[in-house]
Amino acid sequence: MIHEKLTPGSLRALVRLLTAVEDFSLAHGRDPYTRELLGVLRSWGYGESILLLAWDLGLVERYDDYCNERSRRVCRFNRLSERGREFLRHYGELLKLLG
């Protein structure tokens, strides 16, 4: 089920989302949960629809876990899938070719 249509604008948004997931994971040593990710993107409605599009396309994997070790609250975490990493690599190569 595709939530958002795949357009050139949504491609740029996908790249921004995937880069944010990757950067957060590298900086914090863990995957971001959805609220953190949408806060980093500063986009709640459209950001969530792009996140669901990335999930539908298999670019991100989502899983539930405790938000932190002291909390009983469960959060939905997001991480790049292998397909998402490959998408970012190809996007970077395409920009090199065009630039």
C-alpha atoms as a PDB file:
ATOM      1  CA  MET A   1       0.000   0.000   0.000  1.00  0.00           C
ATOM      2  CA  ILE A   2       1.649   3.217  -1.180  1.00  0.00           C
ATOM      3  CA  HIS A   3       0.806   6.191   1.047  1.00  0.00           C
ATOM      4  CA  GLU A   4       2.468   8.948  -0.989  1.00  0.00           C
ATOM      5  CA  LYS A   5       3.020   9.096  -4.732  1.00  0.00           C
ATOM      6  CA  LEU A   6       6.593   8.780  -5.946  1.00  0.00           C
ATOM      7  CA  THR A   7       7.476  12.121  -7.573  1.00  0.00           C
ATOM      8  CA  PRO A   8      10.760  14.022  -8.101  1.00  0.00           C
ATOM      9  CA  GLY A   9       9.934  16.045  -4.971  1.00  0.00           C
ATOM     10  CA  SER A  10       9.303  12.918  -2.941  1.00  0.00           C
ATOM     11  CA  LEU A  11      12.634  11.496  -4.174  1.00  0.00           C
ATOM     12  CA  ARG A  12      14.439  14.475  -2.642  1.00  0.00           C
ATOM     13  CA  ALA A  13      12.399  14.031   0.541  1.00  0.00           C
ATOM     14  CA  LEU A  14      13.290  10.316   0.621  1.00  0.00           C
ATOM     15  CA  VAL A  15      16.980  11.149   0.351  1.00  0.00           C
ATOM     16  CA  ARG A  16      16.651  13.711   3.154  1.00  0.00           C
ATOM     17  CA  LEU A  17      14.842  11.182   5.359  1.00  0.00           C
ATOM     18  CA  LEU A  18      17.310   8.353   4.704  1.00  0.00           C
ATOM     19  CA  THR A  19      20.258  10.663   5.302  1.00  0.00           C
ATOM     20  CA  ALA A  20      18.694  11.826   8.583  1.00  0.00           C
ATOM     21  CA  VAL A  21      18.258   8.210   9.740  1.00  0.00           C
ATOM     22  CA  GLU A  22      21.868   7.395   8.822  1.00  0.00           C
ATOM     23  CA  ASP A  23      23.301  10.548  10.431  1.00  0.00           C
ATOM     24  CA  PHE A  24      21.288  10.050  13.633  1.00  0.00           C
ATOM     25  CA  SER A  25      22.408   6.431  13.915  1.00  0.00           C
ATOM     26  CA  LEU A  26      26.059   7.387  13.468  1.00  0.00           C
ATOM     27  CA  ALA A  27      25.844  10.285  15.927  1.00  0.00           C
ATOM     28  CA  HIS A  28      23.912   8.500  18.704  1.00  0.00           C
ATOM     29  CA  GLY A  29      24.908   4.868  18.247  1.00  0.00           C
ATOM     30  CA  ARG A  30      21.293   3.739  17.943  1.00  0.00           C
ATOM     31  CA  ASP A  31      18.400   4.048  15.539  1.00  0.00           C
ATOM     32  CA  PRO A  32      15.981   6.976  15.881  1.00  0.00           C
ATOM     33  CA  TYR A  33      12.421   6.354  16.934  1.00  0.00           C
ATOM     34  CA  THR A  34       9.734   7.974  14.839  1.00  0.00           C
ATOM     35  CA  ARG A  35       9.151  11.046  17.027  1.00  0.00           C
ATOM     36  CA  GLU A  36      12.881  11.808  17.114  1.00  0.00           C
ATOM     37  CA  LEU A  37      13.187  11.354  13.368  1.00  0.00           C
ATOM     38  CA  LEU A  38      10.244  13.604  12.563  1.00  0.00           C
ATOM     39  CA  GLY A  39      11.638  16.191  14.987  1.00  0.00           C
ATOM     40  CA  VAL A  40      15.006  16.113  13.217  1.00  0.00           C
ATOM     41  CA  LEU A  41      13.250  16.556   9.868  1.00  0.00           C
ATOM     42  CA  ARG A  42      10.999  19.278  11.362  1.00  0.00           C
ATOM     43  CA  SER A  43       8.164  17.804   9.352  1.00  0.00           C
ATOM     44  CA  TRP A  44       5.363  15.890  11.042  1.00  0.00           C
ATOM     45  CA  GLY A  45       2.570  15.325   8.499  1.00  0.00           C
ATOM     46  CA  TYR A  46       4.545  15.179   5.266  1.00  0.00           C
ATOM     47  CA  GLY A  47       7.520  13.623   7.047  1.00  0.00           C
ATOM     48  CA  GLU A  48       5.382  10.757   8.280  1.00  0.00           C
ATOM     49  CA  SER A  49       3.955  10.152   4.804  1.00  0.00           C
ATOM     50  CA  ILE A  50       7.490  10.066   3.360  1.00  0.00           C
ATOM     51  CA  LEU A  51       8.565   7.678   6.140  1.00  0.00           C
ATOM     52  CA  LEU A  52       5.666   5.368   5.270  1.00  0.00           C
ATOM     53  CA  LEU A  53       6.585   5.609   1.571  1.00  0.00           C
ATOM     54  CA  ALA A  54      10.177   4.643   2.421  1.00  0.00           C
ATOM     55  CA  TRP A  55       8.824   1.710   4.445  1.00  0.00           C
ATOM     56  CA  ASP A  56       6.530   0.637   1.581  1.00  0.00           C
ATOM     57  CA  LEU A  57       9.496   0.756  -0.815  1.00  0.00           C
ATOM     58  CA  GLY A  58      11.644  -1.301   1.556  1.00  0.00           C
ATOM     59  CA  LEU A  59      14.154   1.507   2.174  1.00  0.00           C
ATOM     60  CA  VAL A  60      13.680   1.521   5.956  1.00  0.00           C
ATOM     61  CA  GLU A  61      12.948  -1.192   8.475  1.00  0.00           C
ATOM     62  CA  ARG A  62      10.738  -0.427  11.471  1.00  0.00           C
ATOM     63  CA  TYR A  63      10.686  -2.280  14.778  1.00  0.00           C
ATOM     64  CA  ASP A  64       9.273  -1.770  18.262  1.00  0.00           C
ATOM     65  CA  ASP A  65      11.446  -1.638  21.388  1.00  0.00           C
ATOM     66  CA  TYR A  66      11.633   0.227  24.682  1.00  0.00           C
ATOM     67  CA  CYS A  67      12.437   3.910  24.193  1.00  0.00           C
ATOM     68  CA  ASN A  68      15.287   3.618  26.690  1.00  0.00           C
ATOM     69  CA  GLU A  69      16.452   1.098  29.241  1.00  0.00           C
ATOM     70  CA  ARG A  70      14.716   2.876  32.168  1.00  0.00           C
ATOM     71  CA  SER A  71      11.363   3.338  30.436  1.00  0.00           C
ATOM     72  CA  ARG A  72       8.383   1.066  30.023  1.00  0.00           C
ATOM     73  CA  ARG A  73       7.260   3.089  27.011  1.00  0.00           C
ATOM     74  CA  VAL A  74       7.597   1.302  23.681  1.00  0.00           C
ATOM     75  CA  CYS A  75       8.700   3.290  20.613  1.00  0.00           C
ATOM     76  CA  ARG A  76       8.814   2.409  16.943  1.00  0.00           C
ATOM     77  CA  PHE A  77      12.420   2.643  15.744  1.00  0.00           C
ATOM     78  CA  ASN A  78      13.568   3.165  12.152  1.00  0.00           C
ATOM     79  CA  ARG A  79      16.747   1.933  10.498  1.00  0.00           C
ATOM     80  CA  LEU A  80      18.065   1.857   6.966  1.00  0.00           C
ATOM     81  CA  SER A  81      17.608  -1.410   5.155  1.00  0.00           C
ATOM     82  CA  GLU A  82      20.252  -2.698   2.780  1.00  0.00           C
ATOM     83  CA  ARG A  83      18.045  -1.476  -0.059  1.00  0.00           C
ATOM     84  CA  GLY A  84      17.979   1.998   1.535  1.00  0.00           C
ATOM     85  CA  ARG A  85      21.780   2.091   1.735  1.00  0.00           C
ATOM     86  CA  GLU A  86      21.968   1.016  -1.895  1.00  0.00           C
ATOM     87  CA  PHE A  87      19.464   3.754  -2.832  1.00  0.00           C
ATOM     88  CA  LEU A  88      21.645   6.404  -1.154  1.00  0.00           C
ATOM     89  CA  ARG A  89      24.788   5.086  -2.878  1.00  0.00           C
ATOM     90  CA  HIS A  90      23.148   5.213  -6.306  1.00  0.00           C
ATOM     91  CA  TYR A  91      21.688   8.653  -5.630  1.00  0.00           C
ATOM     92  CA  GLY A  92      25.163   9.947  -4.711  1.00  0.00           C
ATOM     93  CA  GLU A  93      26.653   8.439  -7.870  1.00  0.00           C
ATOM     94  CA  LEU A  94      23.893  10.017  -9.962  1.00  0.00           C
ATOM     95  CA  LEU A  95      24.640  13.436  -8.476  1.00  0.00           C
ATOM     96  CA  LYS A  96      28.332  12.977  -9.321  1.00  0.00           C
ATOM     97  CA  LEU A  97      27.442  12.174 -12.917  1.00  0.00           C
ATOM     98  CA  LEU A  98      25.194  15.229 -13.206  1.00  0.00           C
ATOM     99  CA  GLY A  99      27.570  17.548 -11.380  1.00  0.00           C
END
